[in-house]
């Protein structure tokens, strides 16, 4: 059974950086497409970043493009979300998600496309 465990959240000032990690206890991370979502209080879960199973494709919404980078490390069976130039509006609980897929190039931006979810990690950006 796949378990995803996030870490790396915390409190940071605006303009700072954080790197979130998502450890995958299942098969190698290269069997999965991965994504990151976030949910702020009173708001719906929002797509943040996605990477294809092969790592060849990534996708970001305009709100984080150029600031966030998604990646995976097959050797460590871990996915990452590097977040730079953080803004107060980035404050939310961040979730990683994984989906088994045969496709090496497709990225998934909808939360209902993912089979496995982590427990979430809080990111707070102060102004």
Protein backbone atom coordinates (compact mmCIF):
# COMPACT_ATOMS: atom_id res chain seq x y z
CA UNK A 1 0.00 0.00 0.00
CA UNK A 2 1.27 3.44 -0.90
CA UNK A 3 1.79 5.96 1.86
CA UNK A 4 2.81 9.51 1.18
CA UNK A 5 4.40 11.52 3.97
CA UNK A 6 5.01 15.24 3.55
CA UNK A 7 7.54 17.29 5.45
CA UNK A 8 9.25 20.65 5.19
CA UNK A 9 6.44 23.03 5.98
CA UNK A 10 6.80 25.89 8.42
CA UNK A 11 6.70 29.61 8.99
CA UNK A 12 8.64 31.87 6.63
CA UNK A 13 8.72 35.56 5.86
CA UNK A 14 7.49 36.90 2.55
CA UNK A 15 10.20 36.54 -0.07
CA UNK A 16 11.64 33.46 1.61
CA UNK A 17 11.87 29.87 0.44
CA UNK A 18 10.80 26.43 1.58
CA UNK A 19 11.24 22.96 0.13
CA UNK A 20 8.50 20.44 0.74
CA UNK A 21 9.25 16.73 0.54
CA UNK A 22 6.88 13.86 -0.16
CA UNK A 23 8.26 10.44 0.73
CA UNK A 24 6.60 7.56 -1.11
CA UNK A 25 6.57 4.26 0.77
CA UNK A 26 5.14 2.32 -2.15
CA UNK A 27 6.87 1.22 -5.30
CA UNK A 28 9.47 3.46 -6.85
CA UNK A 29 8.32 7.01 -7.39
CA UNK A 30 9.01 6.60 -11.10
CA UNK A 31 5.85 4.45 -11.33
CA UNK A 32 3.72 7.44 -10.40
CA UNK A 33 2.73 10.83 -11.67
CA UNK A 34 2.79 13.29 -8.80
CA UNK A 35 1.12 16.52 -7.91
CA UNK A 36 0.93 19.14 -5.20
CA UNK A 37 -2.23 20.88 -4.06
CA UNK A 38 -2.96 23.39 -1.32
CA UNK A 39 -5.96 24.41 0.72
CA UNK A 40 -6.31 27.65 2.63
CA UNK A 41 -8.94 28.09 5.36
CA UNK A 42 -12.38 28.58 3.88
CA UNK A 43 -11.19 27.88 0.35
CA UNK A 44 -11.32 24.90 -1.99
CA UNK A 45 -8.31 22.72 -2.64
CA UNK A 46 -6.18 24.32 -5.34
CA UNK A 47 -3.77 22.76 -7.84
CA UNK A 48 -0.17 23.92 -7.40
CA UNK A 49 2.13 21.73 -9.50
CA UNK A 50 2.29 18.43 -11.35
CA UNK A 51 4.99 16.23 -12.83
CA UNK A 52 4.65 13.29 -15.18
CA UNK A 53 5.83 9.80 -14.30
CA UNK A 54 8.97 10.16 -16.39
CA UNK A 55 9.67 13.64 -15.09
CA UNK A 56 9.70 14.96 -18.64
CA UNK A 57 6.63 17.15 -18.20
CA UNK A 58 5.67 19.63 -15.52
CA UNK A 59 2.80 22.06 -15.20
CA UNK A 60 2.02 25.01 -12.94
CA UNK A 61 -0.82 27.48 -12.62
CA UNK A 62 0.00 31.12 -13.25
CA UNK A 63 -0.20 31.87 -9.53
CA UNK A 64 3.02 29.94 -8.83
CA UNK A 65 4.73 29.71 -12.22
CA UNK A 66 8.31 30.92 -12.03
CA UNK A 67 8.36 30.61 -8.23
CA UNK A 68 7.62 26.92 -7.57
CA UNK A 69 9.43 23.89 -8.98
CA UNK A 70 8.27 20.28 -8.73
CA UNK A 71 10.75 17.42 -9.00
CA UNK A 72 11.27 13.80 -8.07
CA UNK A 73 14.28 11.77 -6.95
CA UNK A 74 13.92 8.12 -7.90
CA UNK A 75 16.84 7.03 -5.76
CA UNK A 76 15.19 8.49 -2.66
CA UNK A 77 11.64 7.63 -3.72
CA UNK A 78 10.71 11.19 -2.90
CA UNK A 79 9.02 14.11 -4.58
CA UNK A 80 9.78 17.74 -3.88
CA UNK A 81 8.20 21.15 -4.20
CA UNK A 82 10.72 23.99 -4.11
CA UNK A 83 8.95 27.24 -3.28
CA UNK A 84 10.76 30.53 -3.77
CA UNK A 85 9.71 34.16 -3.36
CA UNK A 86 6.86 33.10 -1.12
CA UNK A 87 3.90 35.42 -0.65
CA UNK A 88 1.34 35.65 2.17
CA UNK A 89 -1.29 34.32 -0.24
CA UNK A 90 0.71 31.09 -0.47
CA UNK A 91 -0.29 30.31 3.12
CA UNK A 92 -2.14 26.99 3.16
CA UNK A 93 -1.92 23.32 4.00
CA UNK A 94 0.02 21.65 1.19
CA UNK A 95 -0.74 18.10 0.07
CA UNK A 96 1.19 15.82 -2.22
CA UNK A 97 -0.63 13.28 -4.34
CA UNK A 98 0.35 10.33 -6.52
CA UNK A 99 -1.28 8.39 -9.31
CA UNK A 100 -0.19 5.11 -10.83
CA UNK A 101 -0.02 5.47 -14.58
CA UNK A 102 1.51 3.83 -17.60
CA UNK A 103 1.93 7.18 -19.30
CA UNK A 104 5.34 8.76 -18.95
CA UNK A 105 4.38 12.20 -20.18
CA UNK A 106 0.90 13.08 -18.96
CA UNK A 107 0.51 15.48 -16.06
CA UNK A 108 -2.66 15.54 -13.96
CA UNK A 109 -4.03 18.81 -12.64
CA UNK A 110 -7.35 17.65 -11.19
CA UNK A 111 -7.42 16.33 -7.65
CA UNK A 112 -9.86 13.55 -8.58
CA UNK A 113 -7.21 12.06 -10.90
CA UNK A 114 -5.01 11.07 -7.97
CA UNK A 115 -5.28 7.82 -6.00
CA UNK A 116 -3.02 8.54 -3.05
CA UNK A 117 -2.67 11.55 -0.78
CA UNK A 118 -0.39 12.66 1.99
CA UNK A 119 -1.58 14.06 5.30
CA UNK A 120 -0.63 17.64 4.51
CA UNK A 121 1.94 20.09 5.83
CA UNK A 122 1.26 23.67 6.92
CA UNK A 123 3.00 26.53 5.16
CA UNK A 124 2.59 29.99 6.68
CA UNK A 125 4.04 33.07 5.02
CA UNK A 126 4.15 36.23 7.10
CA UNK A 127 4.13 39.70 5.58
